[in-house]
Amino acid sequence: MGKNNMTNQIKTLLSLSFVLSLQVSAQEYSEQSLKTLFTNPQERQMIDGNRSNHSSSDQVLATPSSVQINGIVKRSNGKSVVWVNGKNTMDTTMTDGIKVYSGSIKSNNKVPVLIDGKKIYIKPGETWSEDTGVSDVGK
């Protein structure tokens, strides 16, 4: 009986420690703390604002001096995603004051963007600047 009683006690202790560790883990990570796991609260606020298409009141949209198309993903359902200056257009057509027409990507992969009221076509890997116009990044 002593051996069986000892085994039951060990099982009970293991079960209890497992349940307690789950409770501690659940209490440590609130939804807000997980949202800011890789960002600070200000970055999280800006991300959440961009997702809901509302820019924060602190953020002032200025015309960029250069625009780089980092990449595109053309989807079969018609909704393409463009990366402009390191930001994607998955949930919005505006990024850093640049209107991106991701639904109008040409067959040569030129992406139409609206800068200062002018529509400019830029391929992935190219950069537009006020001084030089469109140029390859590597050149």
C-alpha atoms as a PDB file:
ATOM      1  CA  MET A   1       0.000   0.000   0.000  1.00  0.00           C
ATOM      2  CA  GLY A   2       2.806   2.413   0.726  1.00  0.00           C
ATOM      3  CA  LYS A   3       4.117   2.296  -2.848  1.00  0.00           C
ATOM      4  CA  ASN A   4       0.657   2.841  -4.353  1.00  0.00           C
ATOM      5  CA  ASN A   5      -0.036   5.721  -1.969  1.00  0.00           C
ATOM      6  CA  MET A   6       3.297   7.346  -2.905  1.00  0.00           C
ATOM      7  CA  THR A   7       2.480   7.056  -6.630  1.00  0.00           C
ATOM      8  CA  ASN A   8      -0.895   8.726  -6.089  1.00  0.00           C
ATOM      9  CA  GLN A   9       0.723  11.555  -4.145  1.00  0.00           C
ATOM     10  CA  ILE A  10       3.272  12.129  -6.948  1.00  0.00           C
ATOM     11  CA  LYS A  11       0.497  12.162  -9.568  1.00  0.00           C
ATOM     12  CA  THR A  12      -1.491  14.633  -7.475  1.00  0.00           C
ATOM     13  CA  LEU A  13       1.534  16.917  -7.024  1.00  0.00           C
ATOM     14  CA  LEU A  14       2.350  16.827 -10.748  1.00  0.00           C
ATOM     15  CA  SER A  15      -1.251  17.613 -11.691  1.00  0.00           C
ATOM     16  CA  LEU A  16      -1.416  20.433  -9.186  1.00  0.00           C
ATOM     17  CA  SER A  17       1.872  21.985 -10.353  1.00  0.00           C
ATOM     18  CA  PHE A  18       0.719  21.753 -13.985  1.00  0.00           C
ATOM     19  CA  VAL A  19      -2.586  23.527 -13.221  1.00  0.00           C
ATOM     20  CA  LEU A  20      -0.820  26.205 -11.185  1.00  0.00           C
ATOM     21  CA  SER A  21       1.704  26.853 -13.960  1.00  0.00           C
ATOM     22  CA  LEU A  22      -1.142  27.298 -16.446  1.00  0.00           C
ATOM     23  CA  GLN A  23      -2.826  29.837 -14.170  1.00  0.00           C
ATOM     24  CA  VAL A  24       0.396  31.778 -13.684  1.00  0.00           C
ATOM     25  CA  SER A  25       1.041  31.809 -17.437  1.00  0.00           C
ATOM     26  CA  ALA A  26      -2.479  32.978 -18.213  1.00  0.00           C
ATOM     27  CA  GLN A  27      -2.205  35.818 -15.699  1.00  0.00           C
ATOM     28  CA  GLU A  28       1.168  37.049 -16.964  1.00  0.00           C
ATOM     29  CA  TYR A  29       0.048  37.728 -20.545  1.00  0.00           C
ATOM     30  CA  SER A  30      -2.860  40.061 -20.974  1.00  0.00           C
ATOM     31  CA  GLU A  31      -4.102  41.006 -24.439  1.00  0.00           C
ATOM     32  CA  GLN A  32      -2.436  44.427 -24.165  1.00  0.00           C
ATOM     33  CA  SER A  33       0.925  42.977 -23.146  1.00  0.00           C
ATOM     34  CA  LEU A  34       0.843  40.605 -26.118  1.00  0.00           C
ATOM     35  CA  LYS A  35       0.039  43.500 -28.476  1.00  0.00           C
ATOM     36  CA  THR A  36       3.180  45.284 -27.354  1.00  0.00           C
ATOM     37  CA  LEU A  37       5.397  42.204 -27.217  1.00  0.00           C
ATOM     38  CA  PHE A  38       7.507  43.373 -30.183  1.00  0.00           C
ATOM     39  CA  THR A  39       6.523  47.064 -30.288  1.00  0.00           C
ATOM     40  CA  ASN A  40       6.319  49.926 -27.853  1.00  0.00           C
ATOM     41  CA  PRO A  41       2.878  51.415 -27.011  1.00  0.00           C
ATOM     42  CA  GLN A  42       3.305  54.309 -29.478  1.00  0.00           C
ATOM     43  CA  GLU A  43       4.170  51.962 -32.368  1.00  0.00           C
ATOM     44  CA  ARG A  44       1.227  49.721 -31.440  1.00  0.00           C
ATOM     45  CA  GLN A  45      -1.123  52.739 -31.469  1.00  0.00           C
ATOM     46  CA  MET A  46       0.093  53.727 -34.935  1.00  0.00           C
ATOM     47  CA  ILE A  47      -0.297  50.150 -36.223  1.00  0.00           C
ATOM     48  CA  ASP A  48      -3.824  49.879 -34.827  1.00  0.00           C
ATOM     49  CA  GLY A  49      -4.675  53.281 -36.303  1.00  0.00           C
ATOM     50  CA  ASN A  50      -3.390  52.272 -39.733  1.00  0.00           C
ATOM     51  CA  ARG A  51      -5.380  49.044 -39.621  1.00  0.00           C
ATOM     52  CA  SER A  52      -8.595  50.931 -39.012  1.00  0.00           C
ATOM     53  CA  ASN A  53      -7.653  53.540 -41.666  1.00  0.00           C
ATOM     54  CA  HIS A  54      -7.476  56.289 -39.057  1.00  0.00           C
ATOM     55  CA  SER A  55      -4.157  58.007 -38.599  1.00  0.00           C
ATOM     56  CA  SER A  56      -3.293  59.160 -35.115  1.00  0.00           C
ATOM     57  CA  SER A  57      -3.641  62.854 -34.403  1.00  0.00           C
ATOM     58  CA  ASP A  58       0.122  63.144 -33.798  1.00  0.00           C
ATOM     59  CA  GLN A  59       0.964  61.793 -37.249  1.00  0.00           C
ATOM     60  CA  VAL A  60       1.285  64.479 -39.909  1.00  0.00           C
ATOM     61  CA  LEU A  61       1.208  63.310 -43.504  1.00  0.00           C
ATOM     62  CA  ALA A  62       4.010  64.925 -45.451  1.00  0.00           C
ATOM     63  CA  THR A  63       4.999  64.449 -49.048  1.00  0.00           C
ATOM     64  CA  PRO A  64       7.934  62.055 -49.112  1.00  0.00           C
ATOM     65  CA  SER A  65      11.179  63.097 -50.774  1.00  0.00           C
ATOM     66  CA  SER A  66      11.662  59.532 -52.057  1.00  0.00           C
ATOM     67  CA  VAL A  67       9.462  56.518 -52.654  1.00  0.00           C
ATOM     68  CA  GLN A  68      10.771  52.975 -53.028  1.00  0.00           C
ATOM     69  CA  ILE A  69       8.694  50.006 -54.154  1.00  0.00           C
ATOM     70  CA  ASN A  70      10.162  47.152 -52.114  1.00  0.00           C
ATOM     71  CA  GLY A  71       7.995  44.412 -53.587  1.00  0.00           C
ATOM     72  CA  ILE A  72       4.576  43.248 -54.759  1.00  0.00           C
ATOM     73  CA  VAL A  73       2.415  40.169 -54.347  1.00  0.00           C
ATOM     74  CA  LYS A  74      -0.180  39.587 -57.060  1.00  0.00           C
ATOM     75  CA  ARG A  75      -3.021  37.460 -55.783  1.00  0.00           C
ATOM     76  CA  SER A  76      -5.356  35.354 -57.873  1.00  0.00           C
ATOM     77  CA  ASN A  77      -8.390  36.964 -56.216  1.00  0.00           C
ATOM     78  CA  GLY A  78      -7.319  40.330 -57.640  1.00  0.00           C
ATOM     79  CA  LYS A  79      -6.251  42.009 -54.384  1.00  0.00           C
ATOM     80  CA  SER A  80      -2.538  42.680 -54.664  1.00  0.00           C
ATOM     81  CA  VAL A  81      -0.247  43.874 -51.893  1.00  0.00           C
ATOM     82  CA  VAL A  82       2.520  46.422 -52.474  1.00  0.00           C
ATOM     83  CA  TRP A  83       5.394  47.252 -50.110  1.00  0.00           C
ATOM     84  CA  VAL A  84       6.255  50.944 -50.264  1.00  0.00           C
ATOM     85  CA  ASN A  85       9.119  52.330 -48.167  1.00  0.00           C
ATOM     86  CA  GLY A  86       9.018  49.139 -46.087  1.00  0.00           C
ATOM     87  CA  LYS A  87       5.269  49.275 -45.352  1.00  0.00           C
ATOM     88  CA  ASN A  88       2.552  47.147 -46.934  1.00  0.00           C
ATOM     89  CA  THR A  89      -0.799  48.112 -48.412  1.00  0.00           C
ATOM     90  CA  MET A  90      -2.649  45.045 -47.184  1.00  0.00           C
ATOM     91  CA  ASP A  91      -5.336  46.985 -45.291  1.00  0.00           C
ATOM     92  CA  THR A  92      -5.035  50.448 -46.794  1.00  0.00           C
ATOM     93  CA  THR A  93      -4.264  52.256 -50.043  1.00  0.00           C
ATOM     94  CA  MET A  94      -2.351  55.058 -48.286  1.00  0.00           C
ATOM     95  CA  THR A  95       1.074  54.760 -46.746  1.00  0.00           C
ATOM     96  CA  ASP A  96       3.233  57.706 -45.633  1.00  0.00           C
ATOM     97  CA  GLY A  97       1.066  60.129 -47.615  1.00  0.00           C
ATOM     98  CA  ILE A  98       1.395  58.066 -50.809  1.00  0.00           C
ATOM     99  CA  LYS A  99      -1.720  56.734 -52.535  1.00  0.00           C
ATOM    100  CA  VAL A 100      -0.978  53.282 -53.978  1.00  0.00           C
ATOM    101  CA  TYR A 101      -3.167  51.819 -56.726  1.00  0.00           C
ATOM    102  CA  SER A 102      -2.448  48.152 -55.989  1.00  0.00           C
ATOM    103  CA  GLY A 103      -5.420  47.061 -58.091  1.00  0.00           C
ATOM    104  CA  SER A 104      -3.942  48.727 -61.200  1.00  0.00           C
ATOM    105  CA  ILE A 105      -0.499  47.102 -61.380  1.00  0.00           C
ATOM    106  CA  LYS A 106       0.593  46.927 -65.020  1.00  0.00           C
ATOM    107  CA  SER A 107       1.694  43.723 -66.780  1.00  0.00           C
ATOM    108  CA  ASN A 108       5.288  45.010 -66.593  1.00  0.00           C
ATOM    109  CA  ASN A 109       4.819  45.153 -62.763  1.00  0.00           C
ATOM    110  CA  LYS A 110       4.880  48.952 -62.653  1.00  0.00           C
ATOM    111  CA  VAL A 111       2.891  50.153 -59.665  1.00  0.00           C
ATOM    112  CA  PRO A 112       0.907  53.386 -60.035  1.00  0.00           C
ATOM    113  CA  VAL A 113       1.364  55.721 -57.054  1.00  0.00           C
ATOM    114  CA  LEU A 114       0.059  59.233 -56.500  1.00  0.00           C
ATOM    115  CA  ILE A 115       2.657  61.697 -55.221  1.00  0.00           C
ATOM    116  CA  ASP A 116       1.940  65.441 -55.061  1.00  0.00           C
ATOM    117  CA  GLY A 117      -1.125  64.929 -57.251  1.00  0.00           C
ATOM    118  CA  LYS A 118       0.911  63.203 -59.994  1.00  0.00           C
ATOM    119  CA  LYS A 119       0.536  59.536 -60.917  1.00  0.00           C
ATOM    120  CA  ILE A 120       3.967  57.909 -61.206  1.00  0.00           C
ATOM    121  CA  TYR A 121       4.725  54.306 -62.225  1.00  0.00           C
ATOM    122  CA  ILE A 122       7.469  52.538 -60.254  1.00  0.00           C
ATOM    123  CA  LYS A 123       8.661  48.922 -60.538  1.00  0.00           C
ATOM    124  CA  PRO A 124       9.760  46.853 -57.534  1.00  0.00           C
ATOM    125  CA  GLY A 125      13.390  47.677 -56.788  1.00  0.00           C
ATOM    126  CA  GLU A 126      13.089  51.196 -58.195  1.00  0.00           C
ATOM    127  CA  THR A 127      13.062  54.435 -56.265  1.00  0.00           C
ATOM    128  CA  TRP A 128      11.454  57.743 -57.168  1.00  0.00           C
ATOM    129  CA  SER A 129      12.879  60.965 -55.765  1.00  0.00           C
ATOM    130  CA  GLU A 130      12.012  64.605 -56.285  1.00  0.00           C
ATOM    131  CA  ASP A 131      15.495  65.282 -57.654  1.00  0.00           C
ATOM    132  CA  THR A 132      16.086  62.376 -60.048  1.00  0.00           C
ATOM    133  CA  GLY A 133      12.696  60.844 -60.844  1.00  0.00           C
ATOM    134  CA  VAL A 134      12.598  57.026 -61.110  1.00  0.00           C
ATOM    135  CA  SER A 135      15.861  55.096 -60.875  1.00  0.00           C
ATOM    136  CA  ASP A 136      17.104  51.602 -60.014  1.00  0.00           C
ATOM    137  CA  VAL A 137      18.214  51.124 -56.416  1.00  0.00           C
ATOM    138  CA  GLY A 138      21.453  49.424 -57.418  1.00  0.00           C
ATOM    139  CA  LYS A 139      22.578  52.226 -59.691  1.00  0.00           C
END
